């Protein structure tokens, strides 16, 4: 029993160490993207950093300090409503981000080209944010605010709320700096950050789903199995125009195999109807293991 408890304690300690490393690396990346790309070019990725950008240029208040101060009321509410564990993760990530922001602030920006800044700033900030989220932490700001609102309003869609808040903050930046260009570039940054989060959590090796309608589906399925080594499933449907029962062949394949499958289908039935769509994640034989 003692040995089991010791082993569990070691595992827990290792997990906490890994979590801390992830938070440090993630916050360093987000701070680097903000201080070396976005802030020098008056760009914003939304959140409290957008408000901090205005205060930085207006009063020369360090961005990290502003971010930390703005988050204090949210920390208090979070502790009361979201629990101790969530509070500790949020405050760790936010303090780490604030420290790195103040540390990197005096470094020379890597580019003064706004287009390059919004691209590389979005990529690096997106990767950093993903690492922080993987560690079950938070950097506060609008993310933490939406979590608190969710406690009071469970039916509110967080994604919609985040978009609204970030849009409002970016619009404020545009009004303050009197440059529409800032809003346009900031929108690109936010979009890229979102895409980086998708890639980080879902991967880039997504599969393709193919729906094939042909009177020769059995022959097509057999050839796909023999040549591509991919299985397929027959789904039964009904064509609503001619009111006839139809067989729909359902097949999941990698992106590289789609061209070969299309060729097989067209060689057998040039009039076959094919629909191809993306499948973000596929688990099972020939794909990811569960």
C-alpha atoms as a PDB file:
ATOM      1  CA  UNK A   1       0.000   0.000   0.000  1.00  0.00           C
ATOM      2  CA  UNK A   2       2.828   2.382   0.931  1.00  0.00           C
ATOM      3  CA  UNK A   3       4.663   1.432  -2.281  1.00  0.00           C
ATOM      4  CA  UNK A   4       1.527   2.175  -4.339  1.00  0.00           C
ATOM      5  CA  UNK A   5       1.099   5.599  -2.690  1.00  0.00           C
ATOM      6  CA  UNK A   6       4.779   6.434  -3.302  1.00  0.00           C
ATOM      7  CA  UNK A   7       4.477   5.474  -6.975  1.00  0.00           C
ATOM      8  CA  UNK A   8       1.326   7.556  -7.358  1.00  0.00           C
ATOM      9  CA  UNK A   9       3.064  10.506  -5.717  1.00  0.00           C
ATOM     10  CA  UNK A  10       6.019  10.213  -8.127  1.00  0.00           C
ATOM     11  CA  UNK A  11       3.650  10.129 -11.127  1.00  0.00           C
ATOM     12  CA  UNK A  12       1.788  13.169  -9.802  1.00  0.00           C
ATOM     13  CA  UNK A  13       5.069  15.049  -9.238  1.00  0.00           C
ATOM     14  CA  UNK A  14       6.251  14.248 -12.783  1.00  0.00           C
ATOM     15  CA  UNK A  15       2.925  15.432 -14.171  1.00  0.00           C
ATOM     16  CA  UNK A  16       3.180  18.736 -12.265  1.00  0.00           C
ATOM     17  CA  UNK A  17       6.770  19.279 -13.475  1.00  0.00           C
ATOM     18  CA  UNK A  18       5.736  18.656 -17.093  1.00  0.00           C
ATOM     19  CA  UNK A  19       2.756  20.962 -16.618  1.00  0.00           C
ATOM     20  CA  UNK A  20       4.957  23.763 -15.249  1.00  0.00           C
ATOM     21  CA  UNK A  21       7.432  23.360 -18.152  1.00  0.00           C
ATOM     22  CA  UNK A  22       4.540  23.536 -20.634  1.00  0.00           C
ATOM     23  CA  UNK A  23       3.198  26.705 -19.007  1.00  0.00           C
ATOM     24  CA  UNK A  24       6.651  28.342 -19.038  1.00  0.00           C
ATOM     25  CA  UNK A  25       7.299  27.449 -22.691  1.00  0.00           C
ATOM     26  CA  UNK A  26       3.763  28.411 -23.756  1.00  0.00           C
ATOM     27  CA  UNK A  27       3.736  31.784 -21.990  1.00  0.00           C
ATOM     28  CA  UNK A  28       7.238  32.564 -23.305  1.00  0.00           C
ATOM     29  CA  UNK A  29       6.051  31.934 -26.877  1.00  0.00           C
ATOM     30  CA  UNK A  30       2.892  34.042 -26.484  1.00  0.00           C
ATOM     31  CA  UNK A  31       4.888  36.863 -24.853  1.00  0.00           C
ATOM     32  CA  UNK A  32       7.564  36.664 -27.560  1.00  0.00           C
ATOM     33  CA  UNK A  33       4.953  36.841 -30.318  1.00  0.00           C
ATOM     34  CA  UNK A  34       3.278  39.812 -28.623  1.00  0.00           C
ATOM     35  CA  UNK A  35       6.415  41.791 -27.721  1.00  0.00           C
ATOM     36  CA  UNK A  36       8.521  41.080 -30.813  1.00  0.00           C
ATOM     37  CA  UNK A  37       5.832  41.123 -33.514  1.00  0.00           C
ATOM     38  CA  UNK A  38       2.409  42.447 -32.489  1.00  0.00           C
ATOM     39  CA  UNK A  39       2.978  45.233 -29.950  1.00  0.00           C
ATOM     40  CA  UNK A  40       5.666  47.150 -31.938  1.00  0.00           C
ATOM     41  CA  UNK A  41       3.277  47.222 -34.914  1.00  0.00           C
ATOM     42  CA  UNK A  42       0.185  48.291 -32.893  1.00  0.00           C
ATOM     43  CA  UNK A  43      -1.454  44.937 -33.679  1.00  0.00           C
ATOM     44  CA  UNK A  44      -3.743  43.043 -31.344  1.00  0.00           C
ATOM     45  CA  UNK A  45      -4.728  39.404 -30.963  1.00  0.00           C
ATOM     46  CA  UNK A  46      -7.762  40.451 -28.956  1.00  0.00           C
ATOM     47  CA  UNK A  47      -8.072  39.753 -25.238  1.00  0.00           C
ATOM     48  CA  UNK A  48      -6.592  41.946 -22.540  1.00  0.00           C
ATOM     49  CA  UNK A  49      -3.395  42.380 -24.582  1.00  0.00           C
ATOM     50  CA  UNK A  50      -5.469  44.536 -26.960  1.00  0.00           C
ATOM     51  CA  UNK A  51      -6.446  46.837 -24.089  1.00  0.00           C
ATOM     52  CA  UNK A  52      -2.861  46.726 -22.840  1.00  0.00           C
ATOM     53  CA  UNK A  53      -1.591  47.822 -26.266  1.00  0.00           C
ATOM     54  CA  UNK A  54      -3.661  51.013 -26.067  1.00  0.00           C
ATOM     55  CA  UNK A  55      -2.482  51.766 -22.505  1.00  0.00           C
ATOM     56  CA  UNK A  56       1.119  51.060 -23.530  1.00  0.00           C
ATOM     57  CA  UNK A  57       1.044  53.691 -26.281  1.00  0.00           C
ATOM     58  CA  UNK A  58      -1.071  56.102 -24.249  1.00  0.00           C
ATOM     59  CA  UNK A  59       0.706  55.986 -20.856  1.00  0.00           C
ATOM     60  CA  UNK A  60       3.799  53.798 -21.532  1.00  0.00           C
ATOM     61  CA  UNK A  61       2.532  51.257 -18.994  1.00  0.00           C
ATOM     62  CA  UNK A  62       4.275  47.882 -19.533  1.00  0.00           C
ATOM     63  CA  UNK A  63       1.951  45.439 -21.270  1.00  0.00           C
ATOM     64  CA  UNK A  64       2.664  42.647 -18.767  1.00  0.00           C
ATOM     65  CA  UNK A  65       1.738  44.877 -15.823  1.00  0.00           C
ATOM     66  CA  UNK A  66      -1.529  45.965 -17.454  1.00  0.00           C
ATOM     67  CA  UNK A  67      -2.471  42.360 -18.253  1.00  0.00           C
ATOM     68  CA  UNK A  68      -1.866  41.273 -14.664  1.00  0.00           C
ATOM     69  CA  UNK A  69      -3.819  44.184 -13.132  1.00  0.00           C
ATOM     70  CA  UNK A  70      -6.804  43.656 -15.447  1.00  0.00           C
ATOM     71  CA  UNK A  71      -6.921  39.982 -14.476  1.00  0.00           C
ATOM     72  CA  UNK A  72      -6.979  40.516 -10.684  1.00  0.00           C
ATOM     73  CA  UNK A  73     -10.807  40.927 -10.420  1.00  0.00           C
ATOM     74  CA  UNK A  74     -11.248  37.838 -12.617  1.00  0.00           C
ATOM     75  CA  UNK A  75      -8.907  35.821 -10.369  1.00  0.00           C
ATOM     76  CA  UNK A  76     -11.009  36.647  -7.319  1.00  0.00           C
ATOM     77  CA  UNK A  77     -14.289  35.711  -9.045  1.00  0.00           C
ATOM     78  CA  UNK A  78     -12.680  32.582 -10.511  1.00  0.00           C
ATOM     79  CA  UNK A  79     -11.545  31.409  -7.054  1.00  0.00           C
ATOM     80  CA  UNK A  80     -15.074  31.809  -5.714  1.00  0.00           C
ATOM     81  CA  UNK A  81     -16.936  30.316  -8.669  1.00  0.00           C
ATOM     82  CA  UNK A  82     -14.590  27.963 -10.563  1.00  0.00           C
ATOM     83  CA  UNK A  83     -12.674  26.362  -7.718  1.00  0.00           C
ATOM     84  CA  UNK A  84      -9.113  26.269  -6.412  1.00  0.00           C
ATOM     85  CA  UNK A  85      -7.585  24.079  -9.153  1.00  0.00           C
ATOM     86  CA  UNK A  86      -8.830  26.251 -12.012  1.00  0.00           C
ATOM     87  CA  UNK A  87      -7.746  29.371 -10.136  1.00  0.00           C
ATOM     88  CA  UNK A  88      -4.172  28.097  -9.616  1.00  0.00           C
ATOM     89  CA  UNK A  89      -3.794  27.152 -13.276  1.00  0.00           C
ATOM     90  CA  UNK A  90      -5.145  30.522 -14.408  1.00  0.00           C
ATOM     91  CA  UNK A  91      -2.954  32.581 -12.088  1.00  0.00           C
ATOM     92  CA  UNK A  92       0.180  30.567 -12.947  1.00  0.00           C
ATOM     93  CA  UNK A  93      -0.302  31.105 -16.669  1.00  0.00           C
ATOM     94  CA  UNK A  94      -1.176  34.788 -16.308  1.00  0.00           C
ATOM     95  CA  UNK A  95       1.753  35.635 -14.016  1.00  0.00           C
ATOM     96  CA  UNK A  96       4.113  33.732 -16.332  1.00  0.00           C
ATOM     97  CA  UNK A  97       2.815  35.639 -19.350  1.00  0.00           C
ATOM     98  CA  UNK A  98       3.077  39.008 -17.557  1.00  0.00           C
ATOM     99  CA  UNK A  99       6.669  38.359 -16.486  1.00  0.00           C
ATOM    100  CA  UNK A 100       7.742  37.337 -19.996  1.00  0.00           C
ATOM    101  CA  UNK A 101       5.924  40.297 -21.566  1.00  0.00           C
ATOM    102  CA  UNK A 102       7.819  42.737 -19.355  1.00  0.00           C
ATOM    103  CA  UNK A 103      11.069  40.831 -19.968  1.00  0.00           C
ATOM    104  CA  UNK A 104      10.756  40.861 -23.784  1.00  0.00           C
ATOM    105  CA  UNK A 105       9.339  44.372 -24.030  1.00  0.00           C
ATOM    106  CA  UNK A 106      12.737  46.081 -24.256  1.00  0.00           C
ATOM    107  CA  UNK A 107      14.012  43.778 -26.990  1.00  0.00           C
ATOM    108  CA  UNK A 108      14.227  45.037 -30.555  1.00  0.00           C
ATOM    109  CA  UNK A 109      11.204  43.991 -32.680  1.00  0.00           C
ATOM    110  CA  UNK A 110      11.997  41.335 -35.263  1.00  0.00           C
ATOM    111  CA  UNK A 111      10.073  43.164 -38.001  1.00  0.00           C
ATOM    112  CA  UNK A 112       8.290  46.456 -38.592  1.00  0.00           C
ATOM    113  CA  UNK A 113       6.351  45.034 -41.529  1.00  0.00           C
ATOM    114  CA  UNK A 114       2.771  44.650 -40.307  1.00  0.00           C
ATOM    115  CA  UNK A 115       1.947  41.838 -42.705  1.00  0.00           C
ATOM    116  CA  UNK A 116       4.913  39.734 -41.554  1.00  0.00           C
ATOM    117  CA  UNK A 117       4.155  40.670 -37.936  1.00  0.00           C
ATOM    118  CA  UNK A 118       0.525  39.505 -38.117  1.00  0.00           C
ATOM    119  CA  UNK A 119       1.523  36.218 -39.803  1.00  0.00           C
ATOM    120  CA  UNK A 120       4.435  35.203 -37.576  1.00  0.00           C
ATOM    121  CA  UNK A 121       2.879  36.736 -34.460  1.00  0.00           C
ATOM    122  CA  UNK A 122      -0.291  34.708 -35.051  1.00  0.00           C
ATOM    123  CA  UNK A 123       1.605  31.460 -35.667  1.00  0.00           C
ATOM    124  CA  UNK A 124       3.847  31.736 -32.594  1.00  0.00           C
ATOM    125  CA  UNK A 125       1.062  33.010 -30.314  1.00  0.00           C
ATOM    126  CA  UNK A 126      -1.200  30.197 -31.526  1.00  0.00           C
ATOM    127  CA  UNK A 127       1.407  27.538 -30.762  1.00  0.00           C
ATOM    128  CA  UNK A 128       2.080  29.058 -27.333  1.00  0.00           C
ATOM    129  CA  UNK A 129      -1.630  29.236 -26.494  1.00  0.00           C
ATOM    130  CA  UNK A 130      -2.100  25.605 -27.546  1.00  0.00           C
ATOM    131  CA  UNK A 131       0.740  24.479 -25.264  1.00  0.00           C
ATOM    132  CA  UNK A 132      -0.789  26.425 -22.355  1.00  0.00           C
ATOM    133  CA  UNK A 133      -4.214  24.862 -22.973  1.00  0.00           C
ATOM    134  CA  UNK A 134      -2.602  21.412 -23.182  1.00  0.00           C
ATOM    135  CA  UNK A 135      -1.296  22.028 -19.664  1.00  0.00           C
ATOM    136  CA  UNK A 136      -4.891  22.788 -18.519  1.00  0.00           C
ATOM    137  CA  UNK A 137      -3.803  26.337 -17.761  1.00  0.00           C
ATOM    138  CA  UNK A 138      -4.958  29.765 -18.883  1.00  0.00           C
ATOM    139  CA  UNK A 139      -3.452  33.206 -19.462  1.00  0.00           C
ATOM    140  CA  UNK A 140      -6.548  34.922 -18.105  1.00  0.00           C
ATOM    141  CA  UNK A 141      -8.096  37.700 -20.160  1.00  0.00           C
ATOM    142  CA  UNK A 142     -11.206  37.080 -22.239  1.00  0.00           C
ATOM    143  CA  UNK A 143     -10.693  33.292 -21.989  1.00  0.00           C
ATOM    144  CA  UNK A 144     -11.053  33.454 -18.211  1.00  0.00           C
ATOM    145  CA  UNK A 145     -13.881  35.984 -18.478  1.00  0.00           C
ATOM    146  CA  UNK A 146     -15.924  33.672 -20.716  1.00  0.00           C
ATOM    147  CA  UNK A 147     -15.390  30.757 -18.331  1.00  0.00           C
ATOM    148  CA  UNK A 148     -16.757  32.877 -15.488  1.00  0.00           C
ATOM    149  CA  UNK A 149     -19.739  34.011 -17.596  1.00  0.00           C
ATOM    150  CA  UNK A 150     -20.377  30.345 -18.422  1.00  0.00           C
ATOM    151  CA  UNK A 151     -20.910  29.654 -14.702  1.00  0.00           C
ATOM    152  CA  UNK A 152     -23.693  32.243 -14.558  1.00  0.00           C
ATOM    153  CA  UNK A 153     -25.047  31.616 -18.070  1.00  0.00           C
ATOM    154  CA  UNK A 154     -24.498  27.913 -18.917  1.00  0.00           C
ATOM    155  CA  UNK A 155     -26.318  28.166 -22.256  1.00  0.00           C
ATOM    156  CA  UNK A 156     -24.028  30.868 -23.655  1.00  0.00           C
ATOM    157  CA  UNK A 157     -21.793  29.648 -26.494  1.00  0.00           C
ATOM    158  CA  UNK A 158     -18.211  30.440 -25.464  1.00  0.00           C
ATOM    159  CA  UNK A 159     -16.903  30.538 -29.047  1.00  0.00           C
ATOM    160  CA  UNK A 160     -19.430  33.217 -30.024  1.00  0.00           C
ATOM    161  CA  UNK A 161     -18.736  35.183 -26.869  1.00  0.00           C
ATOM    162  CA  UNK A 162     -14.963  35.105 -27.470  1.00  0.00           C
ATOM    163  CA  UNK A 163     -15.376  36.329 -31.034  1.00  0.00           C
ATOM    164  CA  UNK A 164     -17.620  39.184 -29.856  1.00  0.00           C
ATOM    165  CA  UNK A 165     -15.203  40.261 -27.122  1.00  0.00           C
ATOM    166  CA  UNK A 166     -12.120  40.042 -29.346  1.00  0.00           C
ATOM    167  CA  UNK A 167     -13.915  41.932 -32.130  1.00  0.00           C
ATOM    168  CA  UNK A 168     -14.882  44.675 -29.686  1.00  0.00           C
ATOM    169  CA  UNK A 169     -11.303  44.999 -28.395  1.00  0.00           C
ATOM    170  CA  UNK A 170      -9.789  45.048 -31.905  1.00  0.00           C
ATOM    171  CA  UNK A 171     -12.387  47.681 -32.938  1.00  0.00           C
ATOM    172  CA  UNK A 172     -11.296  49.780 -29.937  1.00  0.00           C
ATOM    173  CA  UNK A 173      -7.681  49.539 -31.150  1.00  0.00           C
ATOM    174  CA  UNK A 174      -8.738  50.697 -34.619  1.00  0.00           C
ATOM    175  CA  UNK A 175     -10.584  53.694 -33.143  1.00  0.00           C
ATOM    176  CA  UNK A 176      -7.672  54.600 -30.851  1.00  0.00           C
ATOM    177  CA  UNK A 177      -4.935  54.369 -33.510  1.00  0.00           C
ATOM    178  CA  UNK A 178      -7.289  55.690 -36.227  1.00  0.00           C
ATOM    179  CA  UNK A 179      -6.091  53.102 -38.707  1.00  0.00           C
ATOM    180  CA  UNK A 180      -8.436  50.571 -40.274  1.00  0.00           C
ATOM    181  CA  UNK A 181      -5.369  48.640 -41.429  1.00  0.00           C
ATOM    182  CA  UNK A 182      -4.641  47.691 -37.807  1.00  0.00           C
ATOM    183  CA  UNK A 183      -8.022  45.979 -37.524  1.00  0.00           C
ATOM    184  CA  UNK A 184      -7.565  44.133 -40.815  1.00  0.00           C
ATOM    185  CA  UNK A 185      -4.135  42.811 -39.862  1.00  0.00           C
ATOM    186  CA  UNK A 186      -5.298  41.990 -36.318  1.00  0.00           C
ATOM    187  CA  UNK A 187      -8.163  39.940 -37.775  1.00  0.00           C
ATOM    188  CA  UNK A 188      -5.594  37.907 -39.753  1.00  0.00           C
ATOM    189  CA  UNK A 189      -3.620  37.336 -36.540  1.00  0.00           C
ATOM    190  CA  UNK A 190      -6.691  36.073 -34.663  1.00  0.00           C
ATOM    191  CA  UNK A 191      -7.636  33.808 -37.584  1.00  0.00           C
ATOM    192  CA  UNK A 192      -4.129  32.303 -37.774  1.00  0.00           C
ATOM    193  CA  UNK A 193      -4.079  31.741 -34.013  1.00  0.00           C
ATOM    194  CA  UNK A 194      -7.341  29.815 -34.300  1.00  0.00           C
ATOM    195  CA  UNK A 195      -5.971  27.703 -37.144  1.00  0.00           C
ATOM    196  CA  UNK A 196      -2.800  26.914 -35.175  1.00  0.00           C
ATOM    197  CA  UNK A 197      -4.960  25.725 -32.275  1.00  0.00           C
ATOM    198  CA  UNK A 198      -6.891  23.470 -34.671  1.00  0.00           C
ATOM    199  CA  UNK A 199      -3.662  22.020 -36.078  1.00  0.00           C
ATOM    200  CA  UNK A 200      -2.158  21.500 -32.626  1.00  0.00           C
ATOM    201  CA  UNK A 201      -5.182  19.664 -31.224  1.00  0.00           C
ATOM    202  CA  UNK A 202      -6.475  17.933 -34.344  1.00  0.00           C
ATOM    203  CA  UNK A 203      -3.303  17.518 -36.401  1.00  0.00           C
ATOM    204  CA  UNK A 204      -2.649  18.214 -40.071  1.00  0.00           C
ATOM    205  CA  UNK A 205      -2.845  14.592 -41.183  1.00  0.00           C
ATOM    206  CA  UNK A 206      -6.624  14.575 -41.505  1.00  0.00           C
ATOM    207  CA  UNK A 207      -8.343  12.006 -43.671  1.00  0.00           C
ATOM    208  CA  UNK A 208     -10.863  12.248 -46.503  1.00  0.00           C
ATOM    209  CA  UNK A 209     -14.370  10.777 -46.559  1.00  0.00           C
ATOM    210  CA  UNK A 210     -15.654   9.660 -49.965  1.00  0.00           C
ATOM    211  CA  UNK A 211     -19.282   8.937 -50.864  1.00  0.00           C
ATOM    212  CA  UNK A 212     -19.631   7.087 -54.174  1.00  0.00           C
ATOM    213  CA  UNK A 213     -22.936   6.434 -55.941  1.00  0.00           C
ATOM    214  CA  UNK A 214     -22.798   4.012 -58.834  1.00  0.00           C
ATOM    215  CA  UNK A 215     -24.615   0.874 -60.065  1.00  0.00           C
ATOM    216  CA  UNK A 216     -21.164  -0.747 -60.041  1.00  0.00           C
ATOM    217  CA  UNK A 217     -20.378  -0.087 -56.369  1.00  0.00           C
ATOM    218  CA  UNK A 218     -19.579  -3.728 -55.650  1.00  0.00           C
ATOM    219  CA  UNK A 219     -16.897  -3.815 -58.362  1.00  0.00           C
ATOM    220  CA  UNK A 220     -15.542  -0.444 -57.212  1.00  0.00           C
ATOM    221  CA  UNK A 221     -15.350  -1.559 -53.561  1.00  0.00           C
ATOM    222  CA  UNK A 222     -13.529  -4.751 -54.522  1.00  0.00           C
ATOM    223  CA  UNK A 223     -10.911  -2.892 -56.571  1.00  0.00           C
ATOM    224  CA  UNK A 224     -10.366  -0.266 -53.839  1.00  0.00           C
ATOM    225  CA  UNK A 225      -9.803  -3.082 -51.338  1.00  0.00           C
ATOM    226  CA  UNK A 226      -7.380  -4.973 -53.595  1.00  0.00           C
ATOM    227  CA  UNK A 227      -5.347  -2.041 -54.922  1.00  0.00           C
ATOM    228  CA  UNK A 228      -5.513   0.630 -52.200  1.00  0.00           C
ATOM    229  CA  UNK A 229      -6.058  -1.732 -49.253  1.00  0.00           C
ATOM    230  CA  UNK A 230      -8.910   0.382 -47.951  1.00  0.00           C
ATOM    231  CA  UNK A 231     -12.220  -1.001 -46.786  1.00  0.00           C
ATOM    232  CA  UNK A 232     -15.550   0.516 -47.708  1.00  0.00           C
ATOM    233  CA  UNK A 233     -19.102   0.286 -46.408  1.00  0.00           C
ATOM    234  CA  UNK A 234     -22.345   0.102 -48.337  1.00  0.00           C
ATOM    235  CA  UNK A 235     -25.048   2.486 -47.123  1.00  0.00           C
ATOM    236  CA  UNK A 236     -28.612   2.194 -48.339  1.00  0.00           C
ATOM    237  CA  UNK A 237     -30.453   5.310 -49.443  1.00  0.00           C
ATOM    238  CA  UNK A 238     -33.218   6.528 -51.706  1.00  0.00           C
ATOM    239  CA  UNK A 239     -32.910   8.925 -54.627  1.00  0.00           C
ATOM    240  CA  UNK A 240     -35.691  11.439 -54.053  1.00  0.00           C
ATOM    241  CA  UNK A 241     -35.861  12.607 -57.671  1.00  0.00           C
ATOM    242  CA  UNK A 242     -36.583   9.202 -59.280  1.00  0.00           C
ATOM    243  CA  UNK A 243     -37.809   7.576 -56.036  1.00  0.00           C
ATOM    244  CA  UNK A 244     -35.393   4.666 -56.505  1.00  0.00           C
ATOM    245  CA  UNK A 245     -33.392   2.827 -53.865  1.00  0.00           C
ATOM    246  CA  UNK A 246     -29.673   3.468 -54.153  1.00  0.00           C
ATOM    247  CA  UNK A 247     -26.491   2.044 -52.714  1.00  0.00           C
ATOM    248  CA  UNK A 248     -23.966   4.615 -51.430  1.00  0.00           C
ATOM    249  CA  UNK A 249     -20.377   3.497 -50.979  1.00  0.00           C
ATOM    250  CA  UNK A 250     -18.739   5.042 -47.916  1.00  0.00           C
ATOM    251  CA  UNK A 251     -14.921   5.035 -47.858  1.00  0.00           C
ATOM    252  CA  UNK A 252     -12.356   6.774 -45.608  1.00  0.00           C
ATOM    253  CA  UNK A 253      -8.861   7.290 -47.036  1.00  0.00           C
ATOM    254  CA  UNK A 254      -5.764   9.430 -46.621  1.00  0.00           C
ATOM    255  CA  UNK A 255      -5.352  12.545 -48.766  1.00  0.00           C
ATOM    256  CA  UNK A 256      -2.687  10.813 -50.869  1.00  0.00           C
ATOM    257  CA  UNK A 257      -5.069   7.969 -51.731  1.00  0.00           C
ATOM    258  CA  UNK A 258      -7.971  10.111 -52.941  1.00  0.00           C
ATOM    259  CA  UNK A 259      -6.599  10.625 -56.462  1.00  0.00           C
ATOM    260  CA  UNK A 260      -6.027   6.877 -56.919  1.00  0.00           C
ATOM    261  CA  UNK A 261      -9.543   6.031 -55.674  1.00  0.00           C
ATOM    262  CA  UNK A 262     -11.078   8.615 -58.010  1.00  0.00           C
ATOM    263  CA  UNK A 263      -9.207   7.035 -60.910  1.00  0.00           C
ATOM    264  CA  UNK A 264     -10.480   3.571 -59.954  1.00  0.00           C
ATOM    265  CA  UNK A 265     -14.062   4.839 -59.783  1.00  0.00           C
ATOM    266  CA  UNK A 266     -13.874   6.677 -63.102  1.00  0.00           C
ATOM    267  CA  UNK A 267     -12.230   3.709 -64.855  1.00  0.00           C
ATOM    268  CA  UNK A 268     -15.131   1.480 -63.788  1.00  0.00           C
ATOM    269  CA  UNK A 269     -17.970   3.993 -64.087  1.00  0.00           C
ATOM    270  CA  UNK A 270     -17.263   7.345 -65.691  1.00  0.00           C
ATOM    271  CA  UNK A 271     -20.744   8.580 -64.678  1.00  0.00           C
ATOM    272  CA  UNK A 272     -20.334   7.760 -60.967  1.00  0.00           C
ATOM    273  CA  UNK A 273     -21.320  10.460 -58.496  1.00  0.00           C
ATOM    274  CA  UNK A 274     -18.519  11.225 -55.986  1.00  0.00           C
ATOM    275  CA  UNK A 275     -18.610  13.465 -52.908  1.00  0.00           C
ATOM    276  CA  UNK A 276     -15.343  14.123 -51.030  1.00  0.00           C
ATOM    277  CA  UNK A 277     -15.168  15.836 -47.646  1.00  0.00           C
ATOM    278  CA  UNK A 278     -12.689  16.227 -44.770  1.00  0.00           C
ATOM    279  CA  UNK A 279     -12.582  14.052 -41.651  1.00  0.00           C
ATOM    280  CA  UNK A 280     -10.598  15.793 -38.913  1.00  0.00           C
ATOM    281  CA  UNK A 281      -9.934  12.649 -36.897  1.00  0.00           C
ATOM    282  CA  UNK A 282     -10.368   8.969 -37.707  1.00  0.00           C
ATOM    283  CA  UNK A 283      -9.770   6.203 -35.165  1.00  0.00           C
ATOM    284  CA  UNK A 284      -9.465   2.551 -36.048  1.00  0.00           C
ATOM    285  CA  UNK A 285      -7.535   0.147 -38.235  1.00  0.00           C
ATOM    286  CA  UNK A 286      -5.291   1.946 -40.704  1.00  0.00           C
ATOM    287  CA  UNK A 287      -5.665   5.277 -38.886  1.00  0.00           C
ATOM    288  CA  UNK A 288      -5.148   6.531 -35.322  1.00  0.00           C
ATOM    289  CA  UNK A 289      -5.354   4.072 -32.456  1.00  0.00           C
ATOM    290  CA  UNK A 290      -7.895   4.959 -29.761  1.00  0.00           C
END
